[in-house]
Structure formats: structure tokens, C-alpha cells
Amino acid sequence: MSQLITPSIKTLVQRVLNAAETGTADGKYDDVSIFAGVRSAKEDALMKETQDEFFDKACWAPAFKWFTEHGFTLPLSMLVIYDSFFHSGGIHPFLRNKFAEPVPAKGGDEKNWIRQYTKARHEWLAGHSERILRKTIYRTNCYLSEIERDNWHLAALPISMNGIAVDLPAALRKRPGASEEPPAVSHLITPPIKTLVQRVLNAAETGTADGKYHDISIFADGKGGTRQITYGKSQTTEQGHLGKLIRMYCEKGGAFAAQFGAYLPLIGTKPLVDDSHFKNLLVRAAKEDPLMKEAQDEFFDKVYWTPAFKWFTEHGFTLPLSMLIIYDSFIHSGSILPFLRKSFGESVPAEGGDEKKWIGQYANARHEWLAGHSKPILRKTIYRTNCYLGEIERKNWHLTALPIRMNGIAVHLPPALREGPGAIV
């Protein structure tokens, strides 16, 4: 399930369709119309249960499958698509052929597609030869109105459908989806996309997409400009999380655990940047012991990917390029820096902002900050933001246009996954 299509949003969408079909948001289970079929259940609770399961299986499930497979992410998009499945049995190809915008999965703009599709469907219904269908333009009038008021997250309630002011049930009125935990993974951030994002960051940090697990660099980027070790496939720092990585390795019973043991209390408290024995241990462990590679994979996932993905989902982001840019900020800067967020006006998607605009403005702000930084070492890292601004420019929001050029490296997926990002899940 998309992290934006929470159970509360699903309830809201279904209530809007109930109002469209039966004139009440709760739905009339006993409603009988000769043109709409039978929904009769006044006396037996099992009929209500059966109807809920039936409409979920026959209408919601195929609509949501189409929504996800074609790269849609926004609640209003799901409402428009679900209505088409409910009212028309699907997304009609002849309506799709009336406009040029591709679906998001093929590089199109989601809002433009939904807007153009809704207009095409409205014109089709309004001019239909059957009077009963002409009368249903109250449905598309509703959706055009929600598009007009930019209610893409269905956060502005009530929604007026068929003369009914549709709200969530009282227990869910805090805000659609606000009290619910995001799911473990966005449907667009598939395992191959995660692999691709991490390979781009490996290239940024170590000059190879596979990552140099044994790589050591010395930079004067520690506290007060002090020199420190940076280590591993995505480079963690001596004064940052290196101690945590070495502890994880030792807890796995690594071949060099005993020798690292004496250093554990010192990492991050006493400078080890000139300790050749310690640095040699780091290199040997990564080159000779598979457990160090295993520890690094788990460490970078836990310490960087997980908090970056949590921020991404909680703030309403959905697109792979957005995840790449956000993940880079967590790897390179530790987080999404608040002062950069304050330097531009666009809100995050969870607060009604436009995802692509926010990412574009944030990437520009970060580029300008790095380019003008007082530290030469940070000024040199604008190759990172140059890469992201280039991907934004070519509208590679789904990271389907490969390779991605980072730090002079043409980054692809590994051969086994090159059928296309997301093709193997």
C-alpha cells in the first residue's frame, strides 16, 4: 500500500463513493436501483459484511493495483481512479487517448494526468447519448472542484459529493492518516530502487557504485576543523558513528574483534587519525572478513537509510528521486538541515506542498550552501547536488533513466536487476 493511502484515506475515498452512489456517506446497504444493482441488507449483518468484502475485492483492489502499477501516489488520484473503476469498470483507453500526458510510471506528471483525465471523462459523460450517464456529471464536477482547490491529499474536509458533505467518521477526524504509522516501504521504493539509491551514494562517497568497504579517507571536517577518519562503503566518521559500526562488527564475532576491543572505548573520544595500527585493522577487516561487509550493510541501513526513509514517509514524499536526495542529506549532512528548509517557501507534501517543487527548491538551496561554504572540502562536494539537479532537469523522478552519473561514475543496477528498477521486488 502507498504510504499516502492509509486506512483512513481508504475509508474517506469509499465514503465519497457511497455518497455518489446512494446519497449518503455511510452507504445504504439496502438500496435498490434498477440501474445500479441490488444492495439489500436491513436484517442480516452478514449481508453488510459480505458487501464490504465484495466491493473491496471487486472494485477497490483492481483500482488500487492500477493506481500503483502506473506510478500514482496521491489520495485525490486514488479517489478519481476508484470512481472510474466503480462507475465505469476501469480506466477507459479511449479517454486516455484523448490527451497526451503519460502516466507517472512513464515519466508523466501525476497531477496533470489526473486533471486531463477528469476533464476528458467529464466531457464524455456530459455529452453522452444516454441521459442517465449525462446526469452523473455531479461526480466529475466534484473531482474537478477538488483539483481546483489543490486538495491532493484530501486533507481539506468535507468533500461535497452529490449534495452530501462527506467527512470521516468522528473517530477518524483528527486528520486523514495522521494517527497511523506509515507502512514499512513505499510501493515506489522497491528493493531494486533502494539498491540503486545506495549505489549512487556509494559512488558519491567512494568513487565506485559497489562501494569500497575498506576505504579510508582523512578529512579536516571534525569538531573545530580537526582531522578524522572516514571509513566504509558509504563513509561514516570517527567522531560520528564509527564506534557503533565497530561494535556491531565485534558483536558478530568478527575475526578482528579481539584486536578492535581495545579501541572501542577510544573511538570518538581520543583521536585515532594517526594510529596506523587501527587504520590497518579497518582495512584488513573489510578486505579479509565477510562479517565486516555484513556489519557495514546492516549499519548503513540502520543508521542512515532507516531514519532517512522515516523522514521521507512522514513528510509525504513518494518518488524515488526524492528518496535519493533525502538519503544523500542524511549520509552527507546527518539530516535534512532546518536552516536550508527555511530558505525557501514550498511546504512538504504532507502539509499540502508539491513534492517536485519542494525537492527542486531544496536541492537548489543545498547546492548554493555547499558552493558558498567557508570550508573548501564542502565546496568540492557540489558534484553531488550537480548530479541531483541534472536528474531533476531530465525529469527522472522514478529513476528509470539509467545510468545516473555521480562523481564521474555511470551508476547502473547490478546486472541481475537491470530489467528495470522495480521490476524485481
Protein backbone atom coordinates (compact mmCIF):
# COMPACT_ATOMS: atom_id res chain seq x y z
CA MET A 1 0.00 0.00 0.00
CA SER A 2 1.18 3.52 -0.78
CA GLN A 3 2.18 5.32 2.40
CA LEU A 4 -0.30 8.08 1.47
CA ILE A 5 -3.24 5.72 1.03
CA THR A 6 -3.69 4.98 4.72
CA PRO A 7 -6.70 3.10 6.12
CA SER A 8 -8.29 6.48 6.99
CA ILE A 9 -7.82 7.73 3.43
CA LYS A 10 -9.29 4.49 2.10
CA THR A 11 -12.32 4.99 4.37
CA LEU A 12 -12.72 8.57 3.16
CA VAL A 13 -12.50 7.59 -0.53
CA GLN A 14 -15.08 4.87 -0.04
CA ARG A 15 -17.40 7.26 1.80
CA VAL A 16 -17.21 9.73 -1.11
CA LEU A 17 -18.19 6.90 -3.48
CA ASN A 18 -21.00 5.85 -1.14
CA ALA A 19 -22.36 9.40 -1.36
CA ALA A 20 -22.01 9.35 -5.15
CA GLU A 21 -23.89 6.06 -5.42
CA THR A 22 -26.52 6.19 -2.66
CA GLY A 23 -26.70 9.78 -1.41
CA THR A 24 -25.18 9.02 2.00
CA ALA A 25 -21.55 8.72 3.07
CA ASP A 26 -22.31 5.68 5.23
CA GLY A 27 -23.81 3.87 2.24
CA LYS A 28 -27.28 2.34 2.00
CA TYR A 29 -26.73 -1.38 2.18
CA ASP A 30 -30.43 -1.94 1.44
CA ASP A 31 -30.54 0.43 -1.54
CA VAL A 32 -32.13 -0.99 -4.70
CA SER A 33 -31.92 0.81 -8.04
CA ILE A 34 -32.74 -0.84 -11.34
CA PHE A 35 -29.70 0.80 -12.93
CA ALA A 36 -27.22 0.36 -10.10
CA GLY A 37 -27.84 -3.19 -8.89
CA VAL A 38 -29.04 -4.51 -5.56
CA ARG A 39 -27.53 -3.59 -2.17
CA SER A 40 -30.06 -5.04 0.24
CA ALA A 41 -29.35 -5.73 3.88
CA LYS A 42 -31.74 -4.48 6.52
CA GLU A 43 -31.97 -7.56 8.66
CA ASP A 44 -28.81 -9.60 8.34
CA ALA A 45 -25.44 -8.18 9.43
CA LEU A 46 -23.71 -10.80 7.31
CA MET A 47 -25.02 -9.12 4.15
CA LYS A 48 -23.28 -5.88 5.18
CA GLU A 49 -20.09 -7.81 5.86
CA THR A 50 -20.40 -9.59 2.51
CA GLN A 51 -20.94 -6.30 0.66
CA ASP A 52 -17.91 -4.71 2.30
CA GLU A 53 -15.73 -7.65 1.26
CA PHE A 54 -17.27 -7.78 -2.22
CA PHE A 55 -16.76 -4.10 -3.09
CA ASP A 56 -13.24 -4.26 -1.65
CA LYS A 57 -12.35 -7.25 -3.85
CA ALA A 58 -14.29 -6.31 -6.99
CA CYS A 59 -13.64 -2.55 -7.08
CA TRP A 60 -11.04 -1.30 -4.60
CA ALA A 61 -8.38 -3.99 -5.19
CA PRO A 62 -8.20 -3.68 -9.01
CA ALA A 63 -8.37 0.12 -8.80
CA PHE A 64 -5.51 0.24 -6.30
CA LYS A 65 -3.49 -2.23 -8.41
CA TRP A 66 -3.88 0.04 -11.45
CA PHE A 67 -3.03 3.10 -9.31
CA THR A 68 0.22 1.58 -8.01
CA GLU A 69 1.35 -0.10 -11.23
CA HIS A 70 1.03 3.17 -13.13
CA GLY A 71 3.03 5.17 -10.57
CA PHE A 72 0.28 7.19 -8.87
CA THR A 73 0.72 8.19 -5.24
CA LEU A 74 -1.77 10.90 -4.21
CA PRO A 75 -5.10 10.36 -2.39
CA LEU A 76 -7.11 12.50 -4.82
CA SER A 77 -5.69 10.45 -7.68
CA MET A 78 -6.90 7.30 -5.93
CA LEU A 79 -10.37 8.80 -5.49
CA VAL A 80 -10.64 9.67 -9.20
CA ILE A 81 -9.30 6.28 -10.30
CA TYR A 82 -11.50 4.37 -7.84
CA ASP A 83 -14.58 6.21 -9.13
CA SER A 84 -13.70 5.16 -12.69
CA PHE A 85 -13.49 1.53 -11.65
CA PHE A 86 -16.70 1.80 -9.63
CA HIS A 87 -18.74 3.78 -12.15
CA SER A 88 -17.21 2.70 -15.47
CA GLY A 89 -15.47 -0.59 -14.73
CA GLY A 90 -11.95 0.72 -15.27
CA ILE A 91 -9.85 3.43 -16.88
CA HIS A 92 -11.19 3.57 -20.43
CA PRO A 93 -8.43 3.54 -23.10
CA PHE A 94 -10.44 5.83 -25.41
CA LEU A 95 -10.43 8.50 -22.67
CA ARG A 96 -6.70 8.08 -22.10
CA ASN A 97 -6.17 8.56 -25.85
CA LYS A 98 -7.84 11.99 -25.71
CA PHE A 99 -4.83 13.61 -24.04
CA ALA A 100 -1.07 13.34 -24.29
CA GLU A 101 0.21 13.29 -20.69
CA PRO A 102 1.87 9.93 -19.86
CA VAL A 103 1.12 8.17 -16.58
CA PRO A 104 3.69 8.85 -13.82
CA ALA A 105 5.32 5.43 -14.26
CA LYS A 106 6.28 6.55 -17.77
CA GLY A 107 7.60 9.94 -16.69
CA GLY A 108 4.37 11.93 -16.73
CA ASP A 109 3.20 14.46 -14.15
CA GLU A 110 0.64 12.85 -11.84
CA LYS A 111 -1.44 15.99 -11.25
CA ASN A 112 -1.52 16.89 -14.94
CA TRP A 113 -2.62 13.36 -15.85
CA ILE A 114 -5.43 13.31 -13.27
CA ARG A 115 -6.57 16.78 -14.31
CA GLN A 116 -6.66 15.90 -18.01
CA TYR A 117 -8.30 12.52 -17.42
CA THR A 118 -11.02 14.04 -15.23
CA LYS A 119 -11.78 16.71 -17.84
CA ALA A 120 -11.93 14.09 -20.60
CA ARG A 121 -14.27 11.93 -18.52
CA HIS A 122 -16.44 14.93 -17.63
CA GLU A 123 -16.84 15.89 -21.29
CA TRP A 124 -17.63 12.29 -22.22
CA LEU A 125 -20.33 12.00 -19.54
CA ALA A 126 -21.77 15.45 -20.28
CA GLY A 127 -22.17 14.63 -23.96
CA HIS A 128 -23.22 11.01 -23.61
CA SER A 129 -26.15 9.72 -25.64
CA GLU A 130 -27.68 8.10 -22.55
CA ARG A 131 -29.43 10.60 -20.32
CA ILE A 132 -28.75 8.56 -17.18
CA LEU A 133 -24.99 8.97 -17.72
CA ARG A 134 -25.29 12.67 -18.53
CA LYS A 135 -26.89 13.10 -15.10
CA THR A 136 -23.79 11.68 -13.35
CA ILE A 137 -21.53 14.65 -14.07
CA TYR A 138 -22.03 15.62 -10.42
CA ARG A 139 -19.24 13.08 -9.86
CA THR A 140 -16.68 14.70 -12.16
CA ASN A 141 -17.82 18.17 -11.01
CA CYS A 142 -16.80 17.11 -7.51
CA TYR A 143 -13.35 15.92 -8.64
CA LEU A 144 -12.69 18.97 -10.79
CA SER A 145 -13.54 21.10 -7.78
CA GLU A 146 -11.11 19.20 -5.54
CA ILE A 147 -8.41 19.57 -8.19
CA GLU A 148 -9.18 23.29 -8.39
CA ARG A 149 -8.72 23.72 -4.65
CA ASP A 150 -5.49 21.69 -4.79
CA ASN A 151 -6.83 19.10 -2.33
CA TRP A 152 -4.44 16.35 -3.48
CA HIS A 153 -4.04 14.85 -0.02
CA LEU A 154 -7.79 15.02 0.76
CA ALA A 155 -6.90 16.92 3.92
CA ALA A 156 -9.44 19.72 3.32
CA LEU A 157 -12.74 18.31 4.55
CA PRO A 158 -15.62 17.97 3.98
CA ILE A 159 -15.72 16.94 0.32
CA SER A 160 -19.00 17.84 -1.35
CA MET A 161 -20.33 14.91 -3.42
CA ASN A 162 -23.89 14.52 -4.73
CA GLY A 163 -25.14 17.20 -2.33
CA ILE A 164 -23.51 15.46 0.66
CA ALA A 165 -20.75 16.99 2.79
CA VAL A 166 -18.53 13.93 3.20
CA ASP A 167 -16.29 13.77 6.24
CA LEU A 168 -14.54 10.96 8.05
CA PRO A 169 -16.38 9.17 10.85
CA ALA A 170 -15.95 11.05 14.15
CA ALA A 171 -13.29 8.65 15.46
CA LEU A 172 -11.02 9.38 12.49
CA ARG A 173 -11.47 13.14 12.16
CA LYS A 174 -8.11 14.17 13.59
CA ARG A 175 -6.75 14.27 10.03
CA PRO A 176 -6.79 11.58 7.35
CA GLY A 177 -3.97 9.20 8.17
CA ALA A 178 -2.44 11.46 10.81
CA SER A 179 -2.55 8.94 13.65
CA GLU A 180 -1.40 5.98 11.58
CA GLU A 181 2.12 4.68 11.28
CA PRO A 182 3.46 4.69 7.71
CA PRO A 183 3.95 1.26 6.23
CA ALA A 184 7.42 -0.29 6.12
CA VAL A 185 8.07 0.63 2.47
CA SER A 186 6.58 2.87 -0.19
CA HIS A 187 5.32 0.96 -3.20
CA LEU A 188 7.66 3.08 -5.36
CA ILE A 189 10.72 2.47 -3.16
CA THR A 190 11.15 -1.16 -4.18
CA PRO A 191 14.22 -3.22 -3.22
CA PRO A 192 15.87 -2.55 -6.62
CA ILE A 193 15.24 1.19 -6.23
CA LYS A 194 16.77 1.04 -2.74
CA THR A 195 19.79 -0.77 -4.24
CA LEU A 196 20.10 1.88 -6.95
CA VAL A 197 19.89 4.77 -4.46
CA GLN A 198 22.55 3.18 -2.26
CA ARG A 199 24.80 2.56 -5.27
CA VAL A 200 24.56 6.24 -6.24
CA LEU A 201 25.62 7.18 -2.71
CA ASN A 202 28.44 4.63 -2.78
CA ALA A 203 29.72 6.34 -5.92
CA ALA A 204 29.40 9.75 -4.27
CA GLU A 205 31.35 8.62 -1.21
CA THR A 206 33.97 6.18 -2.53
CA GLY A 207 34.07 6.59 -6.33
CA THR A 208 32.55 3.19 -7.11
CA ALA A 209 28.93 2.07 -7.22
CA ASP A 210 29.74 -1.19 -5.45
CA GLY A 211 31.23 0.72 -2.55
CA LYS A 212 34.74 0.33 -1.12
CA TYR A 213 34.16 -1.35 2.21
CA HIS A 214 37.85 -0.90 3.12
CA ASP A 215 38.05 2.77 2.05
CA ILE A 216 39.65 5.20 4.50
CA SER A 217 39.84 8.94 3.96
CA ILE A 218 41.21 11.61 6.25
CA PHE A 219 39.44 14.95 6.26
CA ALA A 220 39.71 18.03 8.46
CA ASP A 221 35.95 18.07 8.91
CA GLY A 222 35.74 17.09 12.59
CA LYS A 223 34.90 19.27 15.55
CA GLY A 224 36.70 22.57 15.33
CA GLY A 225 38.18 21.60 11.97
CA THR A 226 40.09 18.64 13.40
CA ARG A 227 41.23 15.76 11.22
CA GLN A 228 39.31 12.50 11.45
CA ILE A 229 38.93 9.10 9.83
CA THR A 230 36.01 8.41 7.49
CA TYR A 231 35.50 4.74 6.70
CA GLY A 232 33.45 2.22 4.79
CA LYS A 233 31.28 1.85 1.70
CA SER A 234 29.27 5.00 2.42
CA GLN A 235 31.79 6.64 4.76
CA THR A 236 30.98 7.05 8.43
CA THR A 237 33.17 9.28 10.58
CA GLU A 238 35.43 8.70 13.56
CA GLN A 239 33.71 11.46 15.54
CA GLY A 240 30.29 10.29 14.34
CA HIS A 241 29.15 6.67 14.18
CA LEU A 242 32.35 4.71 13.54
CA GLY A 243 32.29 3.36 17.09
CA LYS A 244 28.80 1.98 16.56
CA LEU A 245 29.89 0.20 13.36
CA ILE A 246 32.92 -1.42 15.02
CA ARG A 247 30.79 -2.51 17.98
CA MET A 248 28.30 -4.17 15.59
CA TYR A 249 31.19 -5.97 13.89
CA CYS A 250 32.61 -7.17 17.21
CA GLU A 251 29.19 -8.40 18.34
CA LYS A 252 29.07 -10.56 15.23
CA GLY A 253 32.25 -12.30 16.38
CA GLY A 254 34.38 -10.86 13.59
CA ALA A 255 37.88 -12.24 13.03
CA PHE A 256 39.44 -8.96 14.21
CA ALA A 257 37.03 -8.41 17.12
CA ALA A 258 39.61 -9.06 19.82
CA GLN A 259 42.06 -6.55 18.33
CA PHE A 260 39.32 -3.93 17.94
CA GLY A 261 38.26 -4.49 21.55
CA ALA A 262 40.97 -2.26 22.98
CA TYR A 263 39.92 0.56 20.66
CA LEU A 264 36.17 0.53 21.36
CA PRO A 265 36.36 2.89 24.40
CA LEU A 266 38.60 5.27 22.45
CA ILE A 267 36.70 5.73 19.19
CA GLY A 268 35.13 9.17 19.18
CA THR A 269 36.81 10.23 22.43
CA LYS A 270 40.54 10.01 21.60
CA PRO A 271 41.80 10.89 18.10
CA LEU A 272 42.89 7.77 16.19
CA VAL A 273 43.51 9.52 12.89
CA ASP A 274 47.28 8.94 13.19
CA ASP A 275 47.07 5.44 14.67
CA SER A 276 48.40 3.30 11.81
CA HIS A 277 47.60 0.01 13.59
CA PHE A 278 43.93 0.97 14.00
CA LYS A 279 43.64 2.10 10.38
CA ASN A 280 45.30 -1.10 9.19
CA LEU A 281 42.76 -3.12 11.21
CA LEU A 282 39.92 -1.27 9.48
CA VAL A 283 41.33 -2.05 6.04
CA ARG A 284 42.14 -5.71 6.80
CA ALA A 285 38.74 -6.38 8.40
CA ALA A 286 36.91 -5.13 5.29
CA LYS A 287 39.21 -6.94 2.86
CA GLU A 288 39.59 -10.25 4.71
CA ASP A 289 36.45 -10.80 6.80
CA PRO A 290 32.98 -11.04 5.17
CA LEU A 291 31.47 -10.19 8.56
CA MET A 292 32.74 -6.62 8.21
CA LYS A 293 30.88 -6.23 4.92
CA GLU A 294 27.79 -7.72 6.54
CA ALA A 295 28.15 -5.35 9.51
CA GLN A 296 28.54 -2.34 7.21
CA ASP A 297 25.46 -3.24 5.18
CA GLU A 298 23.38 -3.54 8.36
CA PHE A 299 24.95 -0.44 9.91
CA PHE A 300 24.35 1.92 6.99
CA ASP A 301 20.82 0.59 6.68
CA LYS A 302 20.03 1.14 10.36
CA VAL A 303 21.87 4.41 10.97
CA TYR A 304 21.22 6.23 7.68
CA TRP A 305 18.64 4.55 5.41
CA THR A 306 16.00 3.90 8.10
CA PRO A 307 15.88 7.46 9.53
CA ALA A 308 16.01 8.94 6.01
CA PHE A 309 13.12 6.75 4.88
CA LYS A 310 11.16 7.59 8.04
CA TRP A 311 11.56 11.31 7.29
CA PHE A 312 10.61 10.71 3.64
CA THR A 313 7.38 8.88 4.54
CA GLU A 314 6.32 11.04 7.47
CA HIS A 315 6.60 14.18 5.33
CA GLY A 316 4.54 12.71 2.50
CA PHE A 317 7.21 12.07 -0.13
CA THR A 318 6.72 9.23 -2.58
CA LEU A 319 9.13 9.47 -5.53
CA PRO A 320 12.45 7.61 -5.92
CA LEU A 321 14.42 10.75 -6.87
CA SER A 322 13.08 12.43 -3.73
CA MET A 323 14.35 9.47 -1.67
CA LEU A 324 17.77 9.70 -3.32
CA ILE A 325 18.12 13.40 -2.47
CA ILE A 326 16.83 12.96 1.09
CA TYR A 327 19.09 9.93 1.69
CA ASP A 328 22.11 11.90 0.46
CA SER A 329 21.32 14.60 3.02
CA PHE A 330 21.28 12.04 5.82
CA ILE A 331 24.55 10.43 4.64
CA HIS A 332 26.38 13.69 3.88
CA SER A 333 24.88 16.12 6.40
CA GLY A 334 23.28 13.89 9.03
CA SER A 335 19.72 15.01 8.32
CA ILE A 336 17.56 17.49 6.42
CA LEU A 337 19.09 20.68 7.77
CA PRO A 338 16.40 23.02 9.19
CA PHE A 339 18.11 26.22 8.07
CA LEU A 340 18.01 25.02 4.46
CA ARG A 341 14.29 24.24 4.74
CA LYS A 342 13.69 27.77 5.99
CA SER A 343 15.44 29.27 2.96
CA PHE A 344 12.57 28.51 0.56
CA GLY A 345 8.78 28.71 0.68
CA GLU A 346 7.39 25.39 -0.57
CA SER A 347 5.76 23.15 2.07
CA VAL A 348 6.43 19.41 2.34
CA PRO A 349 3.78 17.22 0.65
CA ALA A 350 2.26 16.13 3.97
CA GLU A 351 1.40 19.80 4.57
CA GLY A 352 -0.09 20.34 1.13
CA GLY A 353 3.07 21.22 -0.77
CA ASP A 354 4.13 19.98 -4.20
CA GLU A 355 6.73 17.19 -3.90
CA LYS A 356 8.63 18.02 -7.07
CA LYS A 357 8.75 21.75 -6.26
CA TRP A 358 9.96 21.07 -2.71
CA ILE A 359 12.71 18.73 -3.89
CA GLY A 360 13.79 21.17 -6.60
CA GLN A 361 13.93 24.09 -4.17
CA TYR A 362 15.71 22.03 -1.51
CA ALA A 363 18.31 20.71 -3.97
CA ASN A 364 18.97 24.27 -5.20
CA ALA A 365 19.27 25.59 -1.62
CA ARG A 366 21.68 22.81 -0.68
CA HIS A 367 23.73 23.38 -3.83
CA GLU A 368 24.08 27.09 -3.10
CA TRP A 369 25.00 26.38 0.54
CA LEU A 370 27.72 23.89 -0.44
CA ALA A 371 29.04 26.06 -3.28
CA GLY A 372 29.45 29.05 -0.98
CA HIS A 373 30.65 27.20 2.11
CA SER A 374 33.63 28.53 4.06
CA LYS A 375 35.23 25.05 4.08
CA PRO A 376 36.91 24.12 0.75
CA ILE A 377 36.24 20.43 1.46
CA LEU A 378 32.49 21.05 1.37
CA ARG A 379 32.67 23.35 -1.66
CA LYS A 380 34.22 20.42 -3.55
CA THR A 381 31.15 18.24 -2.89
CA ILE A 382 28.83 20.13 -5.24
CA TYR A 383 29.29 17.24 -7.67
CA ARG A 384 26.57 15.61 -5.55
CA THR A 385 23.99 18.37 -5.97
CA ASN A 386 25.02 18.85 -9.62
CA CYS A 387 24.01 15.22 -10.15
CA TYR A 388 20.61 15.68 -8.47
CA LEU A 389 19.84 18.93 -10.25
CA GLY A 390 20.67 17.15 -13.51
CA GLU A 391 18.23 14.33 -12.69
CA ILE A 392 15.53 16.88 -11.81
CA GLU A 393 16.19 18.66 -15.10
CA ARG A 394 15.66 15.46 -17.08
CA LYS A 395 12.55 14.62 -15.01
CA ASN A 396 13.96 11.31 -13.85
CA TRP A 397 11.61 11.16 -10.84
CA HIS A 398 11.23 7.37 -10.97
CA LEU A 399 14.98 6.77 -11.59
CA THR A 400 14.14 4.73 -14.67
CA ALA A 401 16.55 6.59 -16.98
CA LEU A 402 19.88 4.90 -16.36
CA PRO A 403 22.76 5.31 -15.89
CA ILE A 404 22.84 8.07 -13.27
CA ARG A 405 26.14 9.93 -13.38
CA MET A 406 27.57 10.58 -9.93
CA ASN A 407 31.15 11.62 -9.14
CA GLY A 408 32.28 10.62 -12.64
CA ILE A 409 30.71 7.17 -12.33
CA ALA A 410 27.91 5.86 -14.57
CA VAL A 411 25.74 4.14 -11.97
CA HIS A 412 23.60 1.19 -13.06
CA LEU A 413 21.82 -1.54 -11.18
CA PRO A 414 23.74 -4.80 -10.86
CA PRO A 415 23.23 -6.97 -14.00
CA ALA A 416 20.68 -9.25 -12.29
CA LEU A 417 18.36 -6.29 -11.67
CA ARG A 418 18.71 -4.43 -14.98
CA GLU A 419 15.31 -5.39 -16.34
CA GLY A 420 14.24 -2.09 -14.78
CA PRO A 421 14.07 -0.53 -11.33
CA GLY A 422 11.17 -2.08 -9.53
CA ALA A 423 10.72 -4.93 -11.99
CA ILE A 424 12.09 -7.38 -9.42
CA VAL A 425 10.57 -6.88 -5.97
